[in-house]
């Protein structure tokens, strides 16, 4: 079995999950059985596919947010920041993803 087939299946399962309700990377990791760090790589592809396939759907991202100071202006919403650039807190809520 080829790698691309398993990746396609993983991405389809991520896409299906995001069409039902918002998820963060940790939730998607559990739902599809891949490491949390791999979820972000798959999400980049899912976002491009949704944007390219169907104008009726949108890939939405609620950016990460600092739980200490509320900062949510992170540069890359498809990233998992480890620290807040404003207050340096490590209490960062993961971004949430949804397809609607």
PDB file of N, CA and C in Angstrom:
ATOM      1  N   UNK A   1       0.854  -1.185   0.000  1.00  0.00           N
ATOM      2  CA  UNK A   1       0.000   0.000   0.000  1.00  0.00           C
ATOM      3  C   UNK A   1       0.890   1.235   0.000  1.00  0.00           C
ATOM      4  N   UNK A   2       0.546   2.220  -0.790  1.00  0.00           N
ATOM      5  CA  UNK A   2       1.385   3.414  -0.914  1.00  0.00           C
ATOM      6  C   UNK A   2       1.065   4.425   0.171  1.00  0.00           C
ATOM      7  N   UNK A   3       2.058   5.288   0.429  1.00  0.00           N
ATOM      8  CA  UNK A   3       1.893   6.349   1.415  1.00  0.00           C
ATOM      9  C   UNK A   3       0.805   7.330   1.021  1.00  0.00           C
ATOM     10  N   UNK A   4       0.738   7.668  -0.265  1.00  0.00           N
ATOM     11  CA  UNK A   4      -0.223   8.681  -0.693  1.00  0.00           C
ATOM     12  C   UNK A   4      -1.652   8.220  -0.443  1.00  0.00           C
ATOM     13  N   UNK A   5      -1.906   6.921  -0.537  1.00  0.00           N
ATOM     14  CA  UNK A   5      -3.246   6.425  -0.261  1.00  0.00           C
ATOM     15  C   UNK A   5      -3.627   6.609   1.194  1.00  0.00           C
ATOM     16  N   UNK A   6      -2.691   6.322   2.100  1.00  0.00           N
ATOM     17  CA  UNK A   6      -3.001   6.479   3.514  1.00  0.00           C
ATOM     18  C   UNK A   6      -3.123   7.952   3.884  1.00  0.00           C
ATOM     19  N   UNK A   7      -2.306   8.818   3.253  1.00  0.00           N
ATOM     20  CA  UNK A   7      -2.415  10.242   3.530  1.00  0.00           C
ATOM     21  C   UNK A   7      -3.754  10.772   3.041  1.00  0.00           C
ATOM     22  N   UNK A   8      -4.176  10.329   1.876  1.00  0.00           N
ATOM     23  CA  UNK A   8      -5.460  10.764   1.342  1.00  0.00           C
ATOM     24  C   UNK A   8      -6.576  10.385   2.300  1.00  0.00           C
ATOM     25  N   UNK A   9      -6.538   9.190   2.823  1.00  0.00           N
ATOM     26  CA  UNK A   9      -7.541   8.726   3.765  1.00  0.00           C
ATOM     27  C   UNK A   9      -7.506   9.567   5.040  1.00  0.00           C
ATOM     28  N   UNK A  10      -6.319   9.845   5.532  1.00  0.00           N
ATOM     29  CA  UNK A  10      -6.180  10.674   6.727  1.00  0.00           C
ATOM     30  C   UNK A  10      -6.747  12.063   6.477  1.00  0.00           C
ATOM     31  N   UNK A  11      -6.409  12.647   5.349  1.00  0.00           N
ATOM     32  CA  UNK A  11      -6.906  13.998   5.037  1.00  0.00           C
ATOM     33  C   UNK A  11      -8.416  13.994   4.858  1.00  0.00           C
ATOM     34  N   UNK A  12      -8.947  12.943   4.276  1.00  0.00           N
ATOM     35  CA  UNK A  12     -10.401  12.872   4.113  1.00  0.00           C
ATOM     36  C   UNK A  12     -11.081  12.770   5.477  1.00  0.00           C
ATOM     37  N   UNK A  13     -10.495  12.001   6.385  1.00  0.00           N
ATOM     38  CA  UNK A  13     -11.074  11.890   7.736  1.00  0.00           C
ATOM     39  C   UNK A  13     -10.987  13.223   8.477  1.00  0.00           C
ATOM     40  N   UNK A  14      -9.900  13.954   8.299  1.00  0.00           N
ATOM     41  CA  UNK A  14      -9.786  15.287   8.902  1.00  0.00           C
ATOM     42  C   UNK A  14     -10.852  16.205   8.319  1.00  0.00           C
ATOM     43  N   UNK A  15     -10.987  16.182   6.991  1.00  0.00           N
ATOM     44  CA  UNK A  15     -11.984  17.014   6.315  1.00  0.00           C
ATOM     45  C   UNK A  15     -13.385  16.691   6.821  1.00  0.00           C
ATOM     46  N   UNK A  16     -13.704  15.416   6.915  1.00  0.00           N
ATOM     47  CA  UNK A  16     -15.032  15.010   7.393  1.00  0.00           C
ATOM     48  C   UNK A  16     -15.279  15.485   8.821  1.00  0.00           C
ATOM     49  N   UNK A  17     -14.272  15.369   9.676  1.00  0.00           N
ATOM     50  CA  UNK A  17     -14.414  15.818  11.067  1.00  0.00           C
ATOM     51  C   UNK A  17     -14.651  17.326  11.131  1.00  0.00           C
ATOM     52  N   UNK A  18     -13.936  18.080  10.294  1.00  0.00           N
ATOM     53  CA  UNK A  18     -14.061  19.540  10.334  1.00  0.00           C
ATOM     54  C   UNK A  18     -15.380  20.024   9.744  1.00  0.00           C
ATOM     55  N   UNK A  19     -16.043  19.194   8.996  1.00  0.00           N
ATOM     56  CA  UNK A  19     -17.359  19.572   8.461  1.00  0.00           C
ATOM     57  C   UNK A  19     -18.455  19.407   9.504  1.00  0.00           C
ATOM     58  N   UNK A  20     -18.182  18.729  10.608  1.00  0.00           N
ATOM     59  CA  UNK A  20     -19.205  18.507  11.637  1.00  0.00           C
ATOM     60  C   UNK A  20     -19.160  19.546  12.746  1.00  0.00           C
ATOM     61  N   UNK A  21     -17.941  19.919  13.189  1.00  0.00           N
ATOM     62  CA  UNK A  21     -17.784  20.893  14.277  1.00  0.00           C
ATOM     63  C   UNK A  21     -16.330  21.333  14.352  1.00  0.00           C
ATOM     64  N   UNK A  22     -16.055  22.458  15.031  1.00  0.00           N
ATOM     65  CA  UNK A  22     -14.664  22.917  15.160  1.00  0.00           C
ATOM     66  C   UNK A  22     -13.823  21.920  15.964  1.00  0.00           C
ATOM     67  N   UNK A  23     -12.577  21.791  15.573  1.00  0.00           N
ATOM     68  CA  UNK A  23     -11.623  20.930  16.277  1.00  0.00           C
ATOM     69  C   UNK A  23     -10.286  21.647  16.364  1.00  0.00           C
ATOM     70  N   UNK A  24      -9.532  21.333  17.412  1.00  0.00           N
ATOM     71  CA  UNK A  24      -8.145  21.776  17.456  1.00  0.00           C
ATOM     72  C   UNK A  24      -7.260  20.593  17.050  1.00  0.00           C
ATOM     73  N   UNK A  25      -5.964  20.822  16.952  1.00  0.00           N
ATOM     74  CA  UNK A  25      -5.048  19.785  16.478  1.00  0.00           C
ATOM     75  C   UNK A  25      -5.037  18.564  17.392  1.00  0.00           C
ATOM     76  N   UNK A  26      -5.127  18.783  18.695  1.00  0.00           N
ATOM     77  CA  UNK A  26      -5.119  17.654  19.628  1.00  0.00           C
ATOM     78  C   UNK A  26      -6.359  16.772  19.423  1.00  0.00           C
ATOM     79  N   UNK A  27      -7.504  17.401  19.222  1.00  0.00           N
ATOM     80  CA  UNK A  27      -8.741  16.637  18.991  1.00  0.00           C
ATOM     81  C   UNK A  27      -8.667  15.864  17.669  1.00  0.00           C
ATOM     82  N   UNK A  28      -8.146  16.519  16.623  1.00  0.00           N
ATOM     83  CA  UNK A  28      -8.006  15.841  15.335  1.00  0.00           C
ATOM     84  C   UNK A  28      -7.005  14.689  15.430  1.00  0.00           C
ATOM     85  N   UNK A  29      -5.951  14.885  16.184  1.00  0.00           N
ATOM     86  CA  UNK A  29      -4.958  13.834  16.375  1.00  0.00           C
ATOM     87  C   UNK A  29      -5.606  12.583  16.959  1.00  0.00           C
ATOM     88  N   UNK A  30      -6.419  12.770  17.969  1.00  0.00           N
ATOM     89  CA  UNK A  30      -7.120  11.656  18.593  1.00  0.00           C
ATOM     90  C   UNK A  30      -8.140  11.042  17.641  1.00  0.00           C
ATOM     91  N   UNK A  31      -8.877  11.891  16.934  1.00  0.00           N
ATOM     92  CA  UNK A  31      -9.950  11.419  16.055  1.00  0.00           C
ATOM     93  C   UNK A  31      -9.431  10.585  14.883  1.00  0.00           C
ATOM     94  N   UNK A  32      -8.287  10.970  14.323  1.00  0.00           N
ATOM     95  CA  UNK A  32      -7.795  10.259  13.137  1.00  0.00           C
ATOM     96  C   UNK A  32      -6.576   9.383  13.419  1.00  0.00           C
ATOM     97  N   UNK A  33      -6.062   9.424  14.638  1.00  0.00           N
ATOM     98  CA  UNK A  33      -4.993   8.517  15.030  1.00  0.00           C
ATOM     99  C   UNK A  33      -3.619   8.840  14.455  1.00  0.00           C
ATOM    100  N   UNK A  34      -3.292  10.129  14.388  1.00  0.00           N
ATOM    101  CA  UNK A  34      -1.953  10.542  13.939  1.00  0.00           C
ATOM    102  C   UNK A  34      -1.371  11.476  14.991  1.00  0.00           C
ATOM    103  N   UNK A  35      -0.044  11.648  15.008  1.00  0.00           N
ATOM    104  CA  UNK A  35       0.561  12.572  15.977  1.00  0.00           C
ATOM    105  C   UNK A  35       0.068  14.009  15.759  1.00  0.00           C
ATOM    106  N   UNK A  36      -0.063  14.737  16.847  1.00  0.00           N
ATOM    107  CA  UNK A  36      -0.549  16.118  16.795  1.00  0.00           C
ATOM    108  C   UNK A  36       0.294  16.979  15.852  1.00  0.00           C
ATOM    109  N   UNK A  37       1.598  16.763  15.852  1.00  0.00           N
ATOM    110  CA  UNK A  37       2.475  17.551  14.988  1.00  0.00           C
ATOM    111  C   UNK A  37       2.188  17.291  13.511  1.00  0.00           C
ATOM    112  N   UNK A  38       1.762  16.093  13.163  1.00  0.00           N
ATOM    113  CA  UNK A  38       1.443  15.763  11.766  1.00  0.00           C
ATOM    114  C   UNK A  38       0.129  16.397  11.321  1.00  0.00           C
ATOM    115  N   UNK A  39      -0.745  16.702  12.271  1.00  0.00           N
ATOM    116  CA  UNK A  39      -2.045  17.290  11.933  1.00  0.00           C
ATOM    117  C   UNK A  39      -1.862  18.596  11.165  1.00  0.00           C
ATOM    118  N   UNK A  40      -0.932  19.440  11.587  1.00  0.00           N
ATOM    119  CA  UNK A  40      -0.740  20.744  10.942  1.00  0.00           C
ATOM    120  C   UNK A  40      -0.328  20.596   9.473  1.00  0.00           C
ATOM    121  N   UNK A  41       0.528  19.615   9.184  1.00  0.00           N
ATOM    122  CA  UNK A  41       0.933  19.373   7.793  1.00  0.00           C
ATOM    123  C   UNK A  41      -0.279  18.982   6.949  1.00  0.00           C
ATOM    124  N   UNK A  42      -1.112  18.114   7.490  1.00  0.00           N
ATOM    125  CA  UNK A  42      -2.320  17.698   6.779  1.00  0.00           C
ATOM    126  C   UNK A  42      -3.302  18.857   6.631  1.00  0.00           C
ATOM    127  N   UNK A  43      -3.410  19.697   7.652  1.00  0.00           N
ATOM    128  CA  UNK A  43      -4.347  20.828   7.588  1.00  0.00           C
ATOM    129  C   UNK A  43      -3.989  21.802   6.471  1.00  0.00           C
ATOM    130  N   UNK A  44      -2.712  21.999   6.219  1.00  0.00           N
ATOM    131  CA  UNK A  44      -2.308  22.879   5.116  1.00  0.00           C
ATOM    132  C   UNK A  44      -2.858  22.358   3.790  1.00  0.00           C
ATOM    133  N   UNK A  45      -2.790  21.055   3.591  1.00  0.00           N
ATOM    134  CA  UNK A  45      -3.303  20.446   2.361  1.00  0.00           C
ATOM    135  C   UNK A  45      -4.829  20.497   2.310  1.00  0.00           C
ATOM    136  N   UNK A  46      -5.456  20.227   3.440  1.00  0.00           N
ATOM    137  CA  UNK A  46      -6.928  20.279   3.504  1.00  0.00           C
ATOM    138  C   UNK A  46      -7.399  21.691   3.171  1.00  0.00           C
ATOM    139  N   UNK A  47      -6.745  22.706   3.720  1.00  0.00           N
ATOM    140  CA  UNK A  47      -7.139  24.095   3.457  1.00  0.00           C
ATOM    141  C   UNK A  47      -7.032  24.419   1.974  1.00  0.00           C
ATOM    142  N   UNK A  48      -5.938  24.009   1.338  1.00  0.00           N
ATOM    143  CA  UNK A  48      -5.765  24.267  -0.103  1.00  0.00           C
ATOM    144  C   UNK A  48      -6.823  23.526  -0.918  1.00  0.00           C
ATOM    145  N   UNK A  49      -7.121  22.302  -0.546  1.00  0.00           N
ATOM    146  CA  UNK A  49      -8.114  21.508  -1.273  1.00  0.00           C
ATOM    147  C   UNK A  49      -9.497  22.131  -1.165  1.00  0.00           C
ATOM    148  N   UNK A  50      -9.884  22.553   0.033  1.00  0.00           N
ATOM    149  CA  UNK A  50     -11.202  23.156   0.225  1.00  0.00           C
ATOM    150  C   UNK A  50     -11.314  24.446  -0.574  1.00  0.00           C
ATOM    151  N   UNK A  51     -10.268  25.268  -0.537  1.00  0.00           N
ATOM    152  CA  UNK A  51     -10.289  26.526  -1.291  1.00  0.00           C
ATOM    153  C   UNK A  51     -10.361  26.278  -2.795  1.00  0.00           C
ATOM    154  N   UNK A  52      -9.729  25.204  -3.259  1.00  0.00           N
ATOM    155  CA  UNK A  52      -9.676  24.942  -4.681  1.00  0.00           C
ATOM    156  C   UNK A  52     -10.855  24.151  -5.217  1.00  0.00           C
ATOM    157  N   UNK A  53     -11.460  23.310  -4.385  1.00  0.00           N
ATOM    158  CA  UNK A  53     -12.500  22.392  -4.854  1.00  0.00           C
ATOM    159  C   UNK A  53     -13.886  22.997  -4.940  1.00  0.00           C
ATOM    160  N   UNK A  54     -14.288  23.693  -3.914  1.00  0.00           N
ATOM    161  CA  UNK A  54     -15.699  24.047  -3.815  1.00  0.00           C
ATOM    162  C   UNK A  54     -15.844  25.456  -3.245  1.00  0.00           C
ATOM    163  N   UNK A  55     -16.291  26.360  -4.072  1.00  0.00           N
ATOM    164  CA  UNK A  55     -16.448  27.749  -3.631  1.00  0.00           C
ATOM    165  C   UNK A  55     -17.531  27.890  -2.563  1.00  0.00           C
ATOM    166  N   UNK A  56     -18.376  26.868  -2.405  1.00  0.00           N
ATOM    167  CA  UNK A  56     -19.437  26.921  -1.405  1.00  0.00           C
ATOM    168  C   UNK A  56     -18.931  26.639   0.003  1.00  0.00           C
ATOM    169  N   UNK A  57     -17.719  26.119   0.122  1.00  0.00           N
ATOM    170  CA  UNK A  57     -17.169  25.809   1.436  1.00  0.00           C
ATOM    171  C   UNK A  57     -15.990  26.724   1.732  1.00  0.00           C
ATOM    172  N   UNK A  58     -15.768  26.940   3.030  1.00  0.00           N
ATOM    173  CA  UNK A  58     -14.630  27.733   3.482  1.00  0.00           C
ATOM    174  C   UNK A  58     -13.903  26.975   4.572  1.00  0.00           C
ATOM    175  N   UNK A  59     -12.586  27.070   4.559  1.00  0.00           N
ATOM    176  CA  UNK A  59     -11.754  26.542   5.631  1.00  0.00           C
ATOM    177  C   UNK A  59     -11.546  27.693   6.609  1.00  0.00           C
ATOM    178  N   UNK A  60     -12.123  27.588   7.788  1.00  0.00           N
ATOM    179  CA  UNK A  60     -12.067  28.675   8.776  1.00  0.00           C
ATOM    180  C   UNK A  60     -11.111  28.324   9.907  1.00  0.00           C
ATOM    181  N   UNK A  61     -10.414  29.343  10.395  1.00  0.00           N
ATOM    182  CA  UNK A  61      -9.468  29.158  11.492  1.00  0.00           C
ATOM    183  C   UNK A  61      -9.723  30.215  12.555  1.00  0.00           C
ATOM    184  N   UNK A  62      -9.994  29.768  13.769  1.00  0.00           N
ATOM    185  CA  UNK A  62     -10.006  30.669  14.923  1.00  0.00           C
ATOM    186  C   UNK A  62      -8.577  30.644  15.450  1.00  0.00           C
ATOM    187  N   UNK A  63      -7.866  31.761  15.412  1.00  0.00           N
ATOM    188  CA  UNK A  63      -6.428  31.744  15.727  1.00  0.00           C
ATOM    189  C   UNK A  63      -6.149  31.320  17.165  1.00  0.00           C
ATOM    190  N   UNK A  64      -4.905  30.905  17.408  1.00  0.00           N
ATOM    191  CA  UNK A  64      -4.519  30.608  18.786  1.00  0.00           C
ATOM    192  C   UNK A  64      -4.686  31.859  19.632  1.00  0.00           C
ATOM    193  N   UNK A  65      -4.911  31.660  20.908  1.00  0.00           N
ATOM    194  CA  UNK A  65      -5.106  32.802  21.808  1.00  0.00           C
ATOM    195  C   UNK A  65      -4.380  32.556  23.121  1.00  0.00           C
ATOM    196  N   UNK A  66      -3.720  33.595  23.602  1.00  0.00           N
ATOM    197  CA  UNK A  66      -3.039  33.517  24.893  1.00  0.00           C
ATOM    198  C   UNK A  66      -4.095  33.532  25.995  1.00  0.00           C
ATOM    199  N   UNK A  67      -4.048  32.541  26.849  1.00  0.00           N
ATOM    200  CA  UNK A  67      -5.017  32.468  27.956  1.00  0.00           C
ATOM    201  C   UNK A  67      -4.667  33.456  29.064  1.00  0.00           C
ATOM    202  N   UNK A  68      -3.449  33.965  29.063  1.00  0.00           N
ATOM    203  CA  UNK A  68      -3.032  34.904  30.101  1.00  0.00           C
ATOM    204  C   UNK A  68      -3.430  36.343  29.768  1.00  0.00           C
ATOM    205  N   UNK A  69      -3.178  36.782  28.523  1.00  0.00           N
ATOM    206  CA  UNK A  69      -3.429  38.189  28.198  1.00  0.00           C
ATOM    207  C   UNK A  69      -4.450  38.389  27.075  1.00  0.00           C
ATOM    208  N   UNK A  70      -4.864  37.301  26.417  1.00  0.00           N
ATOM    209  CA  UNK A  70      -5.863  37.412  25.361  1.00  0.00           C
ATOM    210  C   UNK A  70      -5.317  37.705  23.985  1.00  0.00           C
ATOM    211  N   UNK A  71      -4.006  37.805  23.827  1.00  0.00           N
ATOM    212  CA  UNK A  71      -3.410  38.092  22.521  1.00  0.00           C
ATOM    213  C   UNK A  71      -3.811  37.025  21.514  1.00  0.00           C
ATOM    214  N   UNK A  72      -4.277  37.466  20.322  1.00  0.00           N
ATOM    215  CA  UNK A  72      -4.655  36.509  19.282  1.00  0.00           C
ATOM    216  C   UNK A  72      -4.132  36.920  17.907  1.00  0.00           C
ATOM    217  N   UNK A  73      -3.112  37.749  17.872  1.00  0.00           N
ATOM    218  CA  UNK A  73      -2.566  38.239  16.610  1.00  0.00           C
ATOM    219  C   UNK A  73      -1.366  37.450  16.122  1.00  0.00           C
ATOM    220  N   UNK A  74      -1.398  36.148  16.313  1.00  0.00           N
ATOM    221  CA  UNK A  74      -0.282  35.321  15.865  1.00  0.00           C
ATOM    222  C   UNK A  74      -0.179  35.375  14.347  1.00  0.00           C
ATOM    223  N   UNK A  75       1.055  35.356  13.835  1.00  0.00           N
ATOM    224  CA  UNK A  75       1.314  35.500  12.402  1.00  0.00           C
ATOM    225  C   UNK A  75       0.731  34.373  11.556  1.00  0.00           C
ATOM    226  N   UNK A  76       0.842  33.149  12.018  1.00  0.00           N
ATOM    227  CA  UNK A  76       0.435  31.990  11.230  1.00  0.00           C
ATOM    228  C   UNK A  76      -0.598  31.179  12.004  1.00  0.00           C
ATOM    229  N   UNK A  77      -1.877  31.277  11.625  1.00  0.00           N
ATOM    230  CA  UNK A  77      -2.902  30.549  12.371  1.00  0.00           C
ATOM    231  C   UNK A  77      -2.813  29.036  12.201  1.00  0.00           C
ATOM    232  N   UNK A  78      -2.067  28.546  11.212  1.00  0.00           N
ATOM    233  CA  UNK A  78      -1.879  27.105  11.052  1.00  0.00           C
ATOM    234  C   UNK A  78      -0.606  26.643  11.747  1.00  0.00           C
ATOM    235  N   UNK A  79      -0.260  27.322  12.802  1.00  0.00           N
ATOM    236  CA  UNK A  79       0.927  26.998  13.568  1.00  0.00           C
ATOM    237  C   UNK A  79       0.509  26.816  15.019  1.00  0.00           C
ATOM    238  N   UNK A  80       1.314  26.128  15.773  1.00  0.00           N
ATOM    239  CA  UNK A  80       1.052  25.914  17.186  1.00  0.00           C
ATOM    240  C   UNK A  80       2.116  26.660  17.986  1.00  0.00           C
ATOM    241  N   UNK A  81       1.859  27.935  18.300  1.00  0.00           N
ATOM    242  CA  UNK A  81       2.882  28.713  19.013  1.00  0.00           C
ATOM    243  C   UNK A  81       3.123  28.167  20.418  1.00  0.00           C
ATOM    244  N   UNK A  82       4.349  28.292  20.866  1.00  0.00           N
ATOM    245  CA  UNK A  82       4.680  27.787  22.195  1.00  0.00           C
ATOM    246  C   UNK A  82       4.643  28.877  23.255  1.00  0.00           C
ATOM    247  N   UNK A  83       4.701  30.137  22.817  1.00  0.00           N
ATOM    248  CA  UNK A  83       4.764  31.246  23.771  1.00  0.00           C
ATOM    249  C   UNK A  83       4.114  32.490  23.176  1.00  0.00           C
ATOM    250  N   UNK A  84       3.497  33.283  24.038  1.00  0.00           N
ATOM    251  CA  UNK A  84       2.867  34.532  23.613  1.00  0.00           C
ATOM    252  C   UNK A  84       3.943  35.592  23.371  1.00  0.00           C
ATOM    253  N   UNK A  85       3.902  36.274  22.222  1.00  0.00           N
ATOM    254  CA  UNK A  85       4.893  37.325  21.968  1.00  0.00           C
ATOM    255  C   UNK A  85       4.672  38.568  22.824  1.00  0.00           C
ATOM    256  N   UNK A  86       3.488  38.726  23.388  1.00  0.00           N
ATOM    257  CA  UNK A  86       3.181  39.904  24.214  1.00  0.00           C
ATOM    258  C   UNK A  86       3.628  39.717  25.658  1.00  0.00           C
ATOM    259  N   UNK A  87       3.146  38.636  26.295  1.00  0.00           N
ATOM    260  CA  UNK A  87       3.412  38.473  27.732  1.00  0.00           C
ATOM    261  C   UNK A  87       4.351  37.305  28.049  1.00  0.00           C
ATOM    262  N   UNK A  88       4.755  36.555  27.011  1.00  0.00           N
ATOM    263  CA  UNK A  88       5.673  35.411  27.129  1.00  0.00           C
ATOM    264  C   UNK A  88       5.054  34.201  27.835  1.00  0.00           C
ATOM    265  N   UNK A  89       3.766  34.231  28.093  1.00  0.00           N
ATOM    266  CA  UNK A  89       3.099  33.090  28.718  1.00  0.00           C
ATOM    267  C   UNK A  89       3.124  31.895  27.768  1.00  0.00           C
ATOM    268  N   UNK A  90       3.165  30.710  28.327  1.00  0.00           N
ATOM    269  CA  UNK A  90       3.089  29.483  27.530  1.00  0.00           C
ATOM    270  C   UNK A  90       1.689  28.893  27.559  1.00  0.00           C
ATOM    271  N   UNK A  91       0.749  29.619  28.131  1.00  0.00           N
ATOM    272  CA  UNK A  91      -0.641  29.159  28.220  1.00  0.00           C
ATOM    273  C   UNK A  91      -1.401  29.600  26.966  1.00  0.00           C
ATOM    274  N   UNK A  92      -1.193  28.879  25.871  1.00  0.00           N
ATOM    275  CA  UNK A  92      -1.764  29.239  24.583  1.00  0.00           C
ATOM    276  C   UNK A  92      -2.852  28.232  24.217  1.00  0.00           C
ATOM    277  N   UNK A  93      -4.051  28.745  23.945  1.00  0.00           N
ATOM    278  CA  UNK A  93      -5.137  27.889  23.439  1.00  0.00           C
ATOM    279  C   UNK A  93      -4.866  27.601  21.976  1.00  0.00           C
ATOM    280  N   UNK A  94      -4.972  26.340  21.592  1.00  0.00           N
ATOM    281  CA  UNK A  94      -4.715  25.937  20.205  1.00  0.00           C
ATOM    282  C   UNK A  94      -5.729  26.571  19.260  1.00  0.00           C
ATOM    283  N   UNK A  95      -5.316  26.787  18.009  1.00  0.00           N
ATOM    284  CA  UNK A  95      -6.298  27.266  17.018  1.00  0.00           C
ATOM    285  C   UNK A  95      -7.380  26.214  16.794  1.00  0.00           C
ATOM    286  N   UNK A  96      -8.553  26.687  16.424  1.00  0.00           N
ATOM    287  CA  UNK A  96      -9.684  25.813  16.104  1.00  0.00           C
ATOM    288  C   UNK A  96      -9.926  25.878  14.601  1.00  0.00           C
ATOM    289  N   UNK A  97     -10.262  24.752  14.012  1.00  0.00           N
ATOM    290  CA  UNK A  97     -10.469  24.660  12.573  1.00  0.00           C
ATOM    291  C   UNK A  97     -11.870  24.157  12.279  1.00  0.00           C
ATOM    292  N   UNK A  98     -12.451  24.659  11.177  1.00  0.00           N
ATOM    293  CA  UNK A  98     -13.803  24.268  10.788  1.00  0.00           C
ATOM    294  C   UNK A  98     -13.944  24.444   9.283  1.00  0.00           C
ATOM    295  N   UNK A  99     -14.706  23.562   8.664  1.00  0.00           N
ATOM    296  CA  UNK A  99     -15.086  23.729   7.263  1.00  0.00           C
ATOM    297  C   UNK A  99     -16.581  23.941   7.238  1.00  0.00           C
ATOM    298  N   UNK A 100     -16.994  25.097   6.645  1.00  0.00           N
ATOM    299  CA  UNK A 100     -18.437  25.336   6.533  1.00  0.00           C
ATOM    300  C   UNK A 100     -18.784  25.931   5.200  1.00  0.00           C
TER     301      UNK A 100
END
